[in-house]
Amino acid sequence: MTNSPASPSPIRAAVSTTVRPVRRADRALLWHLRSVLPRLSDERGDVPGWVLITLMTAGLVLLIWGLAGPALSTVFEQAISRVSAI
């Protein structure tokens, strides 16, 4: 089986058409990661920001619990009594 230089083998043609887009996608992914990773590493030392977020979240939980606690307890007790009655 001889192949002339003008007609490449079907396997080689298939590989060249599928490998090139993958290489382009890999290059695009690497370029994106190189641009994003430095920004991610810059935020690792943002301890005051994370402390503020944690304190604000705890404050919101306490506020919601204080306002809706009795209503949520009533709903929970009604649900338990309905399940227990079955």
Protein backbone atom coordinates (compact mmCIF):
# COMPACT_ATOMS: atom_id res chain seq x y z
CA MET A 1 0.00 0.00 0.00
CA THR A 2 1.68 3.15 -1.14
CA ASN A 3 0.53 6.61 -0.38
CA SER A 4 1.45 9.47 -2.56
CA PRO A 5 2.59 12.69 -0.87
CA ALA A 6 -0.48 14.48 -2.24
CA SER A 7 -2.93 12.21 -0.39
CA PRO A 8 -2.15 11.77 3.33
CA SER A 9 -3.36 8.70 5.13
CA PRO A 10 -6.88 8.92 6.59
CA ILE A 11 -5.52 8.39 10.11
CA ARG A 12 -3.03 11.23 9.78
CA ALA A 13 -5.73 13.51 8.37
CA ALA A 14 -8.10 12.65 11.24
CA VAL A 15 -5.40 13.21 13.86
CA SER A 16 -4.36 16.54 12.41
CA THR A 17 -7.94 17.82 12.32
CA THR A 18 -8.73 16.73 15.89
CA VAL A 19 -5.42 17.58 17.55
CA ARG A 20 -5.19 21.17 16.35
CA PRO A 21 -8.42 22.35 18.03
CA VAL A 22 -7.38 20.62 21.24
CA ARG A 23 -4.04 22.36 21.16
CA ARG A 24 -5.78 25.68 20.57
CA ALA A 25 -8.12 25.01 23.48
CA ASP A 26 -5.20 24.02 25.70
CA ARG A 27 -3.37 27.21 24.82
CA ALA A 28 -6.47 29.27 25.53
CA LEU A 29 -6.95 27.53 28.88
CA LEU A 30 -3.32 28.04 29.85
CA TRP A 31 -3.49 31.70 28.89
CA HIS A 32 -6.64 32.12 30.99
CA LEU A 33 -5.13 30.33 34.00
CA ARG A 34 -1.97 32.42 33.80
CA SER A 35 -4.06 35.56 33.91
CA VAL A 36 -6.35 34.38 36.74
CA LEU A 37 -3.93 32.64 39.11
CA PRO A 38 -1.98 35.75 40.12
CA ARG A 39 -5.24 37.43 41.13
CA LEU A 40 -6.27 34.41 43.20
CA SER A 41 -2.97 34.30 45.04
CA ASP A 42 -3.25 38.01 45.84
CA GLU A 43 -6.43 37.43 47.86
CA ARG A 44 -4.97 34.77 50.14
CA GLY A 45 -3.65 37.41 52.54
CA ASP A 46 -6.96 39.26 52.86
CA VAL A 47 -7.58 38.21 56.47
CA PRO A 48 -9.40 41.39 57.57
CA GLY A 49 -11.85 40.96 54.70
CA TRP A 50 -12.62 37.37 55.65
CA VAL A 51 -13.00 38.32 59.31
CA LEU A 52 -15.46 41.05 58.33
CA ILE A 53 -17.46 38.63 56.17
CA THR A 54 -17.56 36.08 59.01
CA LEU A 55 -18.71 38.65 61.57
CA MET A 56 -21.37 40.04 59.23
CA THR A 57 -22.67 36.53 58.54
CA ALA A 58 -22.82 35.75 62.25
CA GLY A 59 -24.66 39.04 62.84
CA LEU A 60 -27.21 38.24 60.14
CA VAL A 61 -27.79 34.77 61.59
CA LEU A 62 -28.38 36.21 65.06
CA LEU A 63 -30.71 38.90 63.70
CA ILE A 64 -32.79 36.46 61.67
CA TRP A 65 -32.83 33.96 64.53
CA GLY A 66 -33.99 36.67 66.94
CA LEU A 67 -36.77 37.86 64.65
CA ALA A 68 -37.99 34.56 63.24
CA GLY A 69 -37.01 32.18 66.05
CA PRO A 70 -40.41 31.89 67.73
CA ALA A 71 -42.23 31.47 64.41
CA LEU A 72 -39.76 28.83 63.26
CA SER A 73 -40.09 26.98 66.57
CA THR A 74 -43.86 26.94 66.20
CA VAL A 75 -43.66 25.63 62.64
CA PHE A 76 -41.18 22.94 63.72
CA GLU A 77 -43.32 21.84 66.66
CA GLN A 78 -46.43 21.64 64.44
CA ALA A 79 -44.55 19.55 61.88
CA ILE A 80 -43.27 17.16 64.56
CA SER A 81 -46.73 16.80 66.10
CA ARG A 82 -48.25 16.01 62.69
CA VAL A 83 -45.62 13.37 61.99
CA SER A 84 -45.99 11.89 65.48
CA ALA A 85 -49.78 11.71 65.10
CA ILE A 86 -49.55 9.57 61.97
